[in-house]
Amino acid sequence: MKIKPLADRVVVERIEEEETKKGGIILPDTAKEKPIKGKVIAVGPGRLDDKGNRIPMEVKKGDVVLFGKYAGQEIKIDNKEYLIMREDEILAIIVEKEE
């Protein structure tokens, strides 16, 4: 199934951080915090300004982004969980260092 977000909405798939165990304590899944990093799966065309002009999106498909802990709306497609959020809920794009 394909999904196409509307206006300035973005579909993000969470990226799970690698689990590190310190002191042999293993936390149950219910006690773990949800990751705030994800990969952009789909992007809407952008919102319209007051004059009806389309404002292009700053994020694009494939970007790795940081977002707020409670950002977006969780959805499930083909047994995979995604978030749909507005572009302004995205805090930053993670850029790999250039060498």
PDB file of N, CA and C in Angstrom:
ATOM      1  N   MET A   1       0.840  -1.178   0.000  1.00  0.00           N
ATOM      2  CA  MET A   1       0.000   0.000   0.000  1.00  0.00           C
ATOM      3  C   MET A   1       0.885   1.241   0.000  1.00  0.00           C
ATOM      4  N   LYS A   2       0.504   2.243  -0.788  1.00  0.00           N
ATOM      5  CA  LYS A   2       1.232   3.500  -0.819  1.00  0.00           C
ATOM      6  C   LYS A   2       0.418   4.553  -0.106  1.00  0.00           C
ATOM      7  N   ILE A   3       1.108   5.513   0.478  1.00  0.00           N
ATOM      8  CA  ILE A   3       0.441   6.602   1.174  1.00  0.00           C
ATOM      9  C   ILE A   3       1.041   7.916   0.693  1.00  0.00           C
ATOM     10  N   LYS A   4       0.166   8.873   0.407  1.00  0.00           N
ATOM     11  CA  LYS A   4       0.611  10.195  -0.035  1.00  0.00           C
ATOM     12  C   LYS A   4       0.057  11.227   0.934  1.00  0.00           C
ATOM     13  N   PRO A   5       0.926  11.826   1.754  1.00  0.00           N
ATOM     14  CA  PRO A   5       0.451  12.822   2.710  1.00  0.00           C
ATOM     15  C   PRO A   5      -0.003  14.096   2.004  1.00  0.00           C
ATOM     16  N   LEU A   6      -0.913  14.820   2.648  1.00  0.00           N
ATOM     17  CA  LEU A   6      -1.442  16.055   2.099  1.00  0.00           C
ATOM     18  C   LEU A   6      -0.724  17.263   2.692  1.00  0.00           C
ATOM     19  N   ALA A   7      -0.751  18.363   1.970  1.00  0.00           N
ATOM     20  CA  ALA A   7      -0.228  19.665   2.407  1.00  0.00           C
ATOM     21  C   ALA A   7       1.186  19.538   2.964  1.00  0.00           C
ATOM     22  N   ASP A   8       1.399  19.992   4.213  1.00  0.00           N
ATOM     23  CA  ASP A   8       2.751  19.994   4.788  1.00  0.00           C
ATOM     24  C   ASP A   8       2.971  18.820   5.732  1.00  0.00           C
ATOM     25  N   ARG A   9       2.311  17.708   5.447  1.00  0.00           N
ATOM     26  CA  ARG A   9       2.467  16.524   6.301  1.00  0.00           C
ATOM     27  C   ARG A   9       3.553  15.600   5.760  1.00  0.00           C
ATOM     28  N   VAL A  10       4.145  14.851   6.708  1.00  0.00           N
ATOM     29  CA  VAL A  10       5.261  13.962   6.406  1.00  0.00           C
ATOM     30  C   VAL A  10       4.993  12.623   7.067  1.00  0.00           C
ATOM     31  N   VAL A  11       5.295  11.517   6.368  1.00  0.00           N
ATOM     32  CA  VAL A  11       5.198  10.180   6.955  1.00  0.00           C
ATOM     33  C   VAL A  11       6.609   9.770   7.359  1.00  0.00           C
ATOM     34  N   VAL A  12       6.758   9.381   8.638  1.00  0.00           N
ATOM     35  CA  VAL A  12       8.071   9.050   9.199  1.00  0.00           C
ATOM     36  C   VAL A  12       8.020   7.657   9.805  1.00  0.00           C
ATOM     37  N   GLU A  13       9.055   6.871   9.546  1.00  0.00           N
ATOM     38  CA  GLU A  13       9.221   5.566  10.187  1.00  0.00           C
ATOM     39  C   GLU A  13      10.267   5.723  11.274  1.00  0.00           C
ATOM     40  N   ARG A  14       9.912   5.352  12.507  1.00  0.00           N
ATOM     41  CA  ARG A  14      10.851   5.478  13.629  1.00  0.00           C
ATOM     42  C   ARG A  14      12.084   4.609  13.392  1.00  0.00           C
ATOM     43  N   ILE A  15      13.225   5.124  13.829  1.00  0.00           N
ATOM     44  CA  ILE A  15      14.476   4.359  13.802  1.00  0.00           C
ATOM     45  C   ILE A  15      14.770   3.973  15.244  1.00  0.00           C
ATOM     46  N   GLU A  16      14.790   2.688  15.500  1.00  0.00           N
ATOM     47  CA  GLU A  16      15.049   2.183  16.852  1.00  0.00           C
ATOM     48  C   GLU A  16      16.528   2.341  17.168  1.00  0.00           C
ATOM     49  N   GLU A  17      16.813   2.908  18.334  1.00  0.00           N
ATOM     50  CA  GLU A  17      18.194   3.029  18.794  1.00  0.00           C
ATOM     51  C   GLU A  17      18.672   1.666  19.269  1.00  0.00           C
ATOM     52  N   GLU A  18      19.967   1.413  19.133  1.00  0.00           N
ATOM     53  CA  GLU A  18      20.502   0.147  19.610  1.00  0.00           C
ATOM     54  C   GLU A  18      20.432   0.115  21.129  1.00  0.00           C
ATOM     55  N   GLU A  19      19.997  -1.017  21.650  1.00  0.00           N
ATOM     56  CA  GLU A  19      19.813  -1.167  23.088  1.00  0.00           C
ATOM     57  C   GLU A  19      21.146  -1.460  23.768  1.00  0.00           C
ATOM     58  N   THR A  20      21.458  -0.661  24.784  1.00  0.00           N
ATOM     59  CA  THR A  20      22.664  -0.928  25.570  1.00  0.00           C
ATOM     60  C   THR A  20      22.228  -1.273  26.985  1.00  0.00           C
ATOM     61  N   LYS A  21      22.829  -2.296  27.520  1.00  0.00           N
ATOM     62  CA  LYS A  21      22.491  -2.763  28.861  1.00  0.00           C
ATOM     63  C   LYS A  21      23.647  -2.426  29.784  1.00  0.00           C
ATOM     64  N   LYS A  22      23.386  -1.603  30.784  1.00  0.00           N
ATOM     65  CA  LYS A  22      24.415  -1.253  31.756  1.00  0.00           C
ATOM     66  C   LYS A  22      24.088  -1.949  33.059  1.00  0.00           C
ATOM     67  N   GLY A  23      25.043  -2.617  33.618  1.00  0.00           N
ATOM     68  CA  GLY A  23      24.852  -3.277  34.906  1.00  0.00           C
ATOM     69  C   GLY A  23      23.944  -4.490  34.837  1.00  0.00           C
ATOM     70  N   GLY A  24      23.698  -5.007  33.646  1.00  0.00           N
ATOM     71  CA  GLY A  24      22.887  -6.209  33.504  1.00  0.00           C
ATOM     72  C   GLY A  24      21.396  -5.991  33.669  1.00  0.00           C
ATOM     73  N   ILE A  25      20.936  -4.735  33.706  1.00  0.00           N
ATOM     74  CA  ILE A  25      19.504  -4.464  33.855  1.00  0.00           C
ATOM     75  C   ILE A  25      18.870  -4.381  32.477  1.00  0.00           C
ATOM     76  N   ILE A  26      17.832  -5.166  32.289  1.00  0.00           N
ATOM     77  CA  ILE A  26      17.102  -5.161  31.024  1.00  0.00           C
ATOM     78  C   ILE A  26      15.732  -4.548  31.283  1.00  0.00           C
ATOM     79  N   LEU A  27      15.435  -3.481  30.549  1.00  0.00           N
ATOM     80  CA  LEU A  27      14.142  -2.824  30.716  1.00  0.00           C
ATOM     81  C   LEU A  27      13.088  -3.486  29.841  1.00  0.00           C
ATOM     82  N   PRO A  28      11.877  -3.672  30.355  1.00  0.00           N
ATOM     83  CA  PRO A  28      10.813  -4.202  29.513  1.00  0.00           C
ATOM     84  C   PRO A  28      10.421  -3.172  28.459  1.00  0.00           C
ATOM     85  N   ASP A  29       9.825  -3.642  27.359  1.00  0.00           N
ATOM     86  CA  ASP A  29       9.443  -2.749  26.268  1.00  0.00           C
ATOM     87  C   ASP A  29       8.538  -1.608  26.729  1.00  0.00           C
ATOM     88  N   THR A  30       7.681  -1.866  27.717  1.00  0.00           N
ATOM     89  CA  THR A  30       6.761  -0.831  28.179  1.00  0.00           C
ATOM     90  C   THR A  30       7.472   0.295  28.906  1.00  0.00           C
ATOM     91  N   ALA A  31       8.660   0.061  29.429  1.00  0.00           N
ATOM     92  CA  ALA A  31       9.397   1.085  30.162  1.00  0.00           C
ATOM     93  C   ALA A  31      10.347   1.876  29.273  1.00  0.00           C
ATOM     94  N   LYS A  32      10.565   1.419  28.050  1.00  0.00           N
ATOM     95  CA  LYS A  32      11.483   2.094  27.148  1.00  0.00           C
ATOM     96  C   LYS A  32      10.813   3.309  26.526  1.00  0.00           C
ATOM     97  N   GLU A  33      11.615   4.341  26.300  1.00  0.00           N
ATOM     98  CA  GLU A  33      11.097   5.520  25.616  1.00  0.00           C
ATOM     99  C   GLU A  33      11.094   5.273  24.120  1.00  0.00           C
ATOM    100  N   LYS A  34      10.096   5.840  23.444  1.00  0.00           N
ATOM    101  CA  LYS A  34      10.028   5.698  21.997  1.00  0.00           C
ATOM    102  C   LYS A  34      11.104   6.581  21.372  1.00  0.00           C
ATOM    103  N   PRO A  35      11.701   6.116  20.289  1.00  0.00           N
ATOM    104  CA  PRO A  35      12.760   6.905  19.654  1.00  0.00           C
ATOM    105  C   PRO A  35      12.210   8.206  19.074  1.00  0.00           C
ATOM    106  N   ILE A  36      13.065   9.220  19.047  1.00  0.00           N
ATOM    107  CA  ILE A  36      12.670  10.494  18.486  1.00  0.00           C
ATOM    108  C   ILE A  36      13.418  10.774  17.189  1.00  0.00           C
ATOM    109  N   LYS A  37      13.910   9.713  16.581  1.00  0.00           N
ATOM    110  CA  LYS A  37      14.626   9.806  15.312  1.00  0.00           C
ATOM    111  C   LYS A  37      13.897   8.916  14.321  1.00  0.00           C
ATOM    112  N   GLY A  38      13.799   9.369  13.073  1.00  0.00           N
ATOM    113  CA  GLY A  38      13.112   8.556  12.087  1.00  0.00           C
ATOM    114  C   GLY A  38      13.530   8.894  10.669  1.00  0.00           C
ATOM    115  N   LYS A  39      13.101   8.031   9.765  1.00  0.00           N
ATOM    116  CA  LYS A  39      13.393   8.205   8.339  1.00  0.00           C
ATOM    117  C   LYS A  39      12.124   8.643   7.634  1.00  0.00           C
ATOM    118  N   VAL A  40      12.234   9.671   6.794  1.00  0.00           N
ATOM    119  CA  VAL A  40      11.094  10.187   6.056  1.00  0.00           C
ATOM    120  C   VAL A  40      10.751   9.206   4.932  1.00  0.00           C
ATOM    121  N   ILE A  41       9.495   8.739   4.932  1.00  0.00           N
ATOM    122  CA  ILE A  41       9.026   7.764   3.951  1.00  0.00           C
ATOM    123  C   ILE A  41       8.286   8.448   2.799  1.00  0.00           C
ATOM    124  N   ALA A  42       7.495   9.478   3.122  1.00  0.00           N
ATOM    125  CA  ALA A  42       6.732  10.210   2.108  1.00  0.00           C
ATOM    126  C   ALA A  42       6.539  11.647   2.563  1.00  0.00           C
ATOM    127  N   VAL A  43       6.424  12.559   1.591  1.00  0.00           N
ATOM    128  CA  VAL A  43       6.302  13.984   1.870  1.00  0.00           C
ATOM    129  C   VAL A  43       5.162  14.560   1.047  1.00  0.00           C
ATOM    130  N   GLY A  44       4.366  15.427   1.668  1.00  0.00           N
ATOM    131  CA  GLY A  44       3.301  16.118   0.954  1.00  0.00           C
ATOM    132  C   GLY A  44       3.866  17.202   0.057  1.00  0.00           C
ATOM    133  N   PRO A  45       3.009  17.844  -0.740  1.00  0.00           N
ATOM    134  CA  PRO A  45       3.473  18.861  -1.678  1.00  0.00           C
ATOM    135  C   PRO A  45       3.849  20.192  -1.024  1.00  0.00           C
ATOM    136  N   GLY A  46       3.467  20.416   0.213  1.00  0.00           N
ATOM    137  CA  GLY A  46       3.753  21.683   0.902  1.00  0.00           C
ATOM    138  C   GLY A  46       2.460  22.437   1.159  1.00  0.00           C
ATOM    139  N   ARG A  47       2.511  23.354   2.123  1.00  0.00           N
ATOM    140  CA  ARG A  47       1.297  24.109   2.457  1.00  0.00           C
ATOM    141  C   ARG A  47       1.151  25.317   1.548  1.00  0.00           C
ATOM    142  N   LEU A  48      -0.040  25.902   1.574  1.00  0.00           N
ATOM    143  CA  LEU A  48      -0.314  27.092   0.788  1.00  0.00           C
ATOM    144  C   LEU A  48      -0.215  28.320   1.689  1.00  0.00           C
ATOM    145  N   ASP A  49       0.351  29.410   1.151  1.00  0.00           N
ATOM    146  CA  ASP A  49       0.390  30.647   1.927  1.00  0.00           C
ATOM    147  C   ASP A  49      -0.926  31.404   1.745  1.00  0.00           C
ATOM    148  N   ASP A  50      -1.022  32.609   2.304  1.00  0.00           N
ATOM    149  CA  ASP A  50      -2.258  33.385   2.257  1.00  0.00           C
ATOM    150  C   ASP A  50      -2.683  33.759   0.837  1.00  0.00           C
ATOM    151  N   LYS A  51      -1.730  33.821  -0.081  1.00  0.00           N
ATOM    152  CA  LYS A  51      -2.033  34.199  -1.465  1.00  0.00           C
ATOM    153  C   LYS A  51      -2.272  32.988  -2.356  1.00  0.00           C
ATOM    154  N   GLY A  52      -2.205  31.781  -1.778  1.00  0.00           N
ATOM    155  CA  GLY A  52      -2.441  30.560  -2.547  1.00  0.00           C
ATOM    156  C   GLY A  52      -1.205  29.985  -3.203  1.00  0.00           C
ATOM    157  N   ASN A  53      -0.027  30.525  -2.887  1.00  0.00           N
ATOM    158  CA  ASN A  53       1.225  29.996  -3.442  1.00  0.00           C
ATOM    159  C   ASN A  53       1.699  28.820  -2.598  1.00  0.00           C
ATOM    160  N   ARG A  54       2.196  27.790  -3.274  1.00  0.00           N
ATOM    161  CA  ARG A  54       2.680  26.595  -2.588  1.00  0.00           C
ATOM    162  C   ARG A  54       4.061  26.859  -1.997  1.00  0.00           C
ATOM    163  N   ILE A  55       4.237  26.567  -0.708  1.00  0.00           N
ATOM    164  CA  ILE A  55       5.537  26.696  -0.036  1.00  0.00           C
ATOM    165  C   ILE A  55       6.195  25.322  -0.050  1.00  0.00           C
ATOM    166  N   PRO A  56       7.340  25.189  -0.735  1.00  0.00           N
ATOM    167  CA  PRO A  56       7.969  23.857  -0.851  1.00  0.00           C
ATOM    168  C   PRO A  56       8.440  23.328   0.504  1.00  0.00           C
ATOM    169  N   MET A  57       8.482  22.008   0.609  1.00  0.00           N
ATOM    170  CA  MET A  57       8.908  21.334   1.839  1.00  0.00           C
ATOM    171  C   MET A  57      10.436  21.372   1.945  1.00  0.00           C
ATOM    172  N   GLU A  58      10.935  21.483   3.189  1.00  0.00           N
ATOM    173  CA  GLU A  58      12.377  21.455   3.421  1.00  0.00           C
ATOM    174  C   GLU A  58      12.902  20.030   3.542  1.00  0.00           C
ATOM    175  N   VAL A  59      12.049  19.103   3.991  1.00  0.00           N
ATOM    176  CA  VAL A  59      12.478  17.708   4.104  1.00  0.00           C
ATOM    177  C   VAL A  59      12.103  16.964   2.831  1.00  0.00           C
ATOM    178  N   LYS A  60      12.827  15.882   2.567  1.00  0.00           N
ATOM    179  CA  LYS A  60      12.522  15.064   1.389  1.00  0.00           C
ATOM    180  C   LYS A  60      12.567  13.590   1.773  1.00  0.00           C
ATOM    181  N   LYS A  61      12.032  12.762   0.927  1.00  0.00           N
ATOM    182  CA  LYS A  61      12.019  11.323   1.161  1.00  0.00           C
ATOM    183  C   LYS A  61      13.448  10.827   1.359  1.00  0.00           C
ATOM    184  N   GLY A  62      13.650  10.017   2.408  1.00  0.00           N
ATOM    185  CA  GLY A  62      14.970   9.460   2.697  1.00  0.00           C
ATOM    186  C   GLY A  62      15.733  10.215   3.765  1.00  0.00           C
ATOM    187  N   ASP A  63      15.325  11.450   4.095  1.00  0.00           N
ATOM    188  CA  ASP A  63      15.997  12.211   5.154  1.00  0.00           C
ATOM    189  C   ASP A  63      15.823  11.517   6.498  1.00  0.00           C
ATOM    190  N   VAL A  64      16.844  11.608   7.348  1.00  0.00           N
ATOM    191  CA  VAL A  64      16.749  11.143   8.734  1.00  0.00           C
ATOM    192  C   VAL A  64      16.530  12.388   9.579  1.00  0.00           C
ATOM    193  N   VAL A  65      15.450  12.378  10.370  1.00  0.00           N
ATOM    194  CA  VAL A  65      15.044  13.577  11.090  1.00  0.00           C
ATOM    195  C   VAL A  65      14.887  13.316  12.585  1.00  0.00           C
ATOM    196  N   LEU A  66      14.938  14.397  13.358  1.00  0.00           N
ATOM    197  CA  LEU A  66      14.633  14.373  14.777  1.00  0.00           C
ATOM    198  C   LEU A  66      13.299  15.081  14.974  1.00  0.00           C
ATOM    199  N   PHE A  67      12.478  14.544  15.877  1.00  0.00           N
ATOM    200  CA  PHE A  67      11.178  15.150  16.134  1.00  0.00           C
ATOM    201  C   PHE A  67      10.871  15.066  17.615  1.00  0.00           C
ATOM    202  N   GLY A  68       9.869  15.806  18.056  1.00  0.00           N
ATOM    203  CA  GLY A  68       9.492  15.838  19.462  1.00  0.00           C
ATOM    204  C   GLY A  68       8.948  14.506  19.937  1.00  0.00           C
ATOM    205  N   LYS A  69       9.056  14.288  21.226  1.00  0.00           N
ATOM    206  CA  LYS A  69       8.644  13.024  21.841  1.00  0.00           C
ATOM    207  C   LYS A  69       7.186  12.673  21.560  1.00  0.00           C
ATOM    208  N   TYR A  70       6.310  13.685  21.549  1.00  0.00           N
ATOM    209  CA  TYR A  70       4.880  13.435  21.345  1.00  0.00           C
ATOM    210  C   TYR A  70       4.392  13.939  19.991  1.00  0.00           C
ATOM    211  N   ALA A  71       5.289  14.090  19.035  1.00  0.00           N
ATOM    212  CA  ALA A  71       4.934  14.614  17.716  1.00  0.00           C
ATOM    213  C   ALA A  71       4.175  13.576  16.896  1.00  0.00           C
ATOM    214  N   GLY A  72       3.293  14.063  16.067  1.00  0.00           N
ATOM    215  CA  GLY A  72       2.642  13.230  15.073  1.00  0.00           C
ATOM    216  C   GLY A  72       1.541  12.330  15.581  1.00  0.00           C
ATOM    217  N   GLN A  73       0.916  11.671  14.631  1.00  0.00           N
ATOM    218  CA  GLN A  73      -0.172  10.726  14.876  1.00  0.00           C
ATOM    219  C   GLN A  73       0.306   9.347  14.422  1.00  0.00           C
ATOM    220  N   GLU A  74       0.227   8.356  15.305  1.00  0.00           N
ATOM    221  CA  GLU A  74       0.674   7.010  14.947  1.00  0.00           C
ATOM    222  C   GLU A  74      -0.353   6.333  14.050  1.00  0.00           C
ATOM    223  N   ILE A  75       0.139   5.674  13.000  1.00  0.00           N
ATOM    224  CA  ILE A  75      -0.720   4.886  12.111  1.00  0.00           C
ATOM    225  C   ILE A  75      -0.043   3.547  11.860  1.00  0.00           C
ATOM    226  N   LYS A  76      -0.808   2.577  11.395  1.00  0.00           N
ATOM    227  CA  LYS A  76      -0.265   1.254  11.080  1.00  0.00           C
ATOM    228  C   LYS A  76      -0.652   0.928   9.641  1.00  0.00           C
ATOM    229  N   ILE A  77       0.348   0.607   8.815  1.00  0.00           N
ATOM    230  CA  ILE A  77       0.126   0.228   7.421  1.00  0.00           C
ATOM    231  C   ILE A  77       0.900  -1.052   7.177  1.00  0.00           C
ATOM    232  N   ASP A  78       0.220  -2.072   6.699  1.00  0.00           N
ATOM    233  CA  ASP A  78       0.859  -3.371   6.426  1.00  0.00           C
ATOM    234  C   ASP A  78       1.659  -3.857   7.634  1.00  0.00           C
ATOM    235  N   ASN A  79       1.068  -3.767   8.825  1.00  0.00           N
ATOM    236  CA  ASN A  79       1.665  -4.216  10.084  1.00  0.00           C
ATOM    237  C   ASN A  79       2.959  -3.492  10.452  1.00  0.00           C
ATOM    238  N   LYS A  80       3.199  -2.298   9.886  1.00  0.00           N
ATOM    239  CA  LYS A  80       4.342  -1.469  10.265  1.00  0.00           C
ATOM    240  C   LYS A  80       3.801  -0.167  10.822  1.00  0.00           C
ATOM    241  N   GLU A  81       4.453   0.328  11.879  1.00  0.00           N
ATOM    242  CA  GLU A  81       4.009   1.576  12.498  1.00  0.00           C
ATOM    243  C   GLU A  81       4.756   2.765  11.900  1.00  0.00           C
ATOM    244  N   TYR A  82       3.993   3.819  11.621  1.00  0.00           N
ATOM    245  CA  TYR A  82       4.528   5.062  11.085  1.00  0.00           C
ATOM    246  C   TYR A  82       3.936   6.225  11.870  1.00  0.00           C
ATOM    247  N   LEU A  83       4.506   7.383  11.663  1.00  0.00           N
ATOM    248  CA  LEU A  83       3.966   8.624  12.214  1.00  0.00           C
ATOM    249  C   LEU A  83       3.629   9.558  11.063  1.00  0.00           C
ATOM    250  N   ILE A  84       2.495  10.225  11.152  1.00  0.00           N
ATOM    251  CA  ILE A  84       2.189  11.310  10.226  1.00  0.00           C
ATOM    252  C   ILE A  84       2.252  12.584  11.055  1.00  0.00           C
ATOM    253  N   MET A  85       3.091  13.520  10.604  1.00  0.00           N
ATOM    254  CA  MET A  85       3.254  14.770  11.352  1.00  0.00           C
ATOM    255  C   MET A  85       3.382  15.938  10.391  1.00  0.00           C
ATOM    256  N   ARG A  86       3.134  17.119  10.912  1.00  0.00           N
ATOM    257  CA  ARG A  86       3.351  18.332  10.128  1.00  0.00           C
ATOM    258  C   ARG A  86       4.852  18.605  10.066  1.00  0.00           C
ATOM    259  N   GLU A  87       5.267  19.267   9.003  1.00  0.00           N
ATOM    260  CA  GLU A  87       6.688  19.559   8.845  1.00  0.00           C
ATOM    261  C   GLU A  87       7.219  20.390  10.014  1.00  0.00           C
ATOM    262  N   ASP A  88       6.392  21.265  10.579  1.00  0.00           N
ATOM    263  CA  ASP A  88       6.881  22.106  11.684  1.00  0.00           C
ATOM    264  C   ASP A  88       7.076  21.336  12.987  1.00  0.00           C
ATOM    265  N   GLU A  89       6.642  20.065  13.043  1.00  0.00           N
ATOM    266  CA  GLU A  89       6.916  19.226  14.209  1.00  0.00           C
ATOM    267  C   GLU A  89       8.303  18.583  14.134  1.00  0.00           C
ATOM    268  N   ILE A  90       8.929  18.654  12.965  1.00  0.00           N
ATOM    269  CA  ILE A  90      10.281  18.119  12.785  1.00  0.00           C
ATOM    270  C   ILE A  90      11.269  19.161  13.287  1.00  0.00           C
ATOM    271  N   LEU A  91      12.164  18.742  14.169  1.00  0.00           N
ATOM    272  CA  LEU A  91      13.102  19.660  14.797  1.00  0.00           C
ATOM    273  C   LEU A  91      14.369  19.867  13.976  1.00  0.00           C
ATOM    274  N   ALA A  92      14.863  18.797  13.320  1.00  0.00           N
ATOM    275  CA  ALA A  92      16.121  18.891  12.592  1.00  0.00           C
ATOM    276  C   ALA A  92      16.262  17.743  11.602  1.00  0.00           C
ATOM    277  N   ILE A  93      17.083  17.966  10.602  1.00  0.00           N
ATOM    278  CA  ILE A  93      17.483  16.907   9.664  1.00  0.00           C
ATOM    279  C   ILE A  93      18.907  16.512  10.038  1.00  0.00           C
ATOM    280  N   ILE A  94      19.146  15.215  10.173  1.00  0.00           N
ATOM    281  CA  ILE A  94      20.487  14.729  10.526  1.00  0.00           C
ATOM    282  C   ILE A  94      21.274  14.592   9.232  1.00  0.00           C
ATOM    283  N   VAL A  95      22.410  15.303   9.182  1.00  0.00           N
ATOM    284  CA  VAL A  95      23.251  15.293   7.995  1.00  0.00           C
ATOM    285  C   VAL A  95      24.538  14.546   8.331  1.00  0.00           C
ATOM    286  N   GLU A  96      24.863  13.537   7.514  1.00  0.00           N
ATOM    287  CA  GLU A  96      26.111  12.797   7.719  1.00  0.00           C
ATOM    288  C   GLU A  96      27.285  13.727   7.423  1.00  0.00           C
ATOM    289  N   LYS A  97      28.376  13.582   8.209  1.00  0.00           N
ATOM    290  CA  LYS A  97      29.508  14.461   7.966  1.00  0.00           C
ATOM    291  C   LYS A  97      30.161  14.153   6.625  1.00  0.00           C
ATOM    292  N   GLU A  98      30.522  15.253   5.997  1.00  0.00           N
ATOM    293  CA  GLU A  98      31.197  15.136   4.696  1.00  0.00           C
ATOM    294  C   GLU A  98      32.692  15.123   4.924  1.00  0.00           C
ATOM    295  N   GLU A  99      33.391  14.302   4.164  1.00  0.00           N
ATOM    296  CA  GLU A  99      34.849  14.208   4.326  1.00  0.00           C
ATOM    297  C   GLU A  99      35.534  14.602   3.066  1.00  0.00           C
TER     298      GLU A  99
END
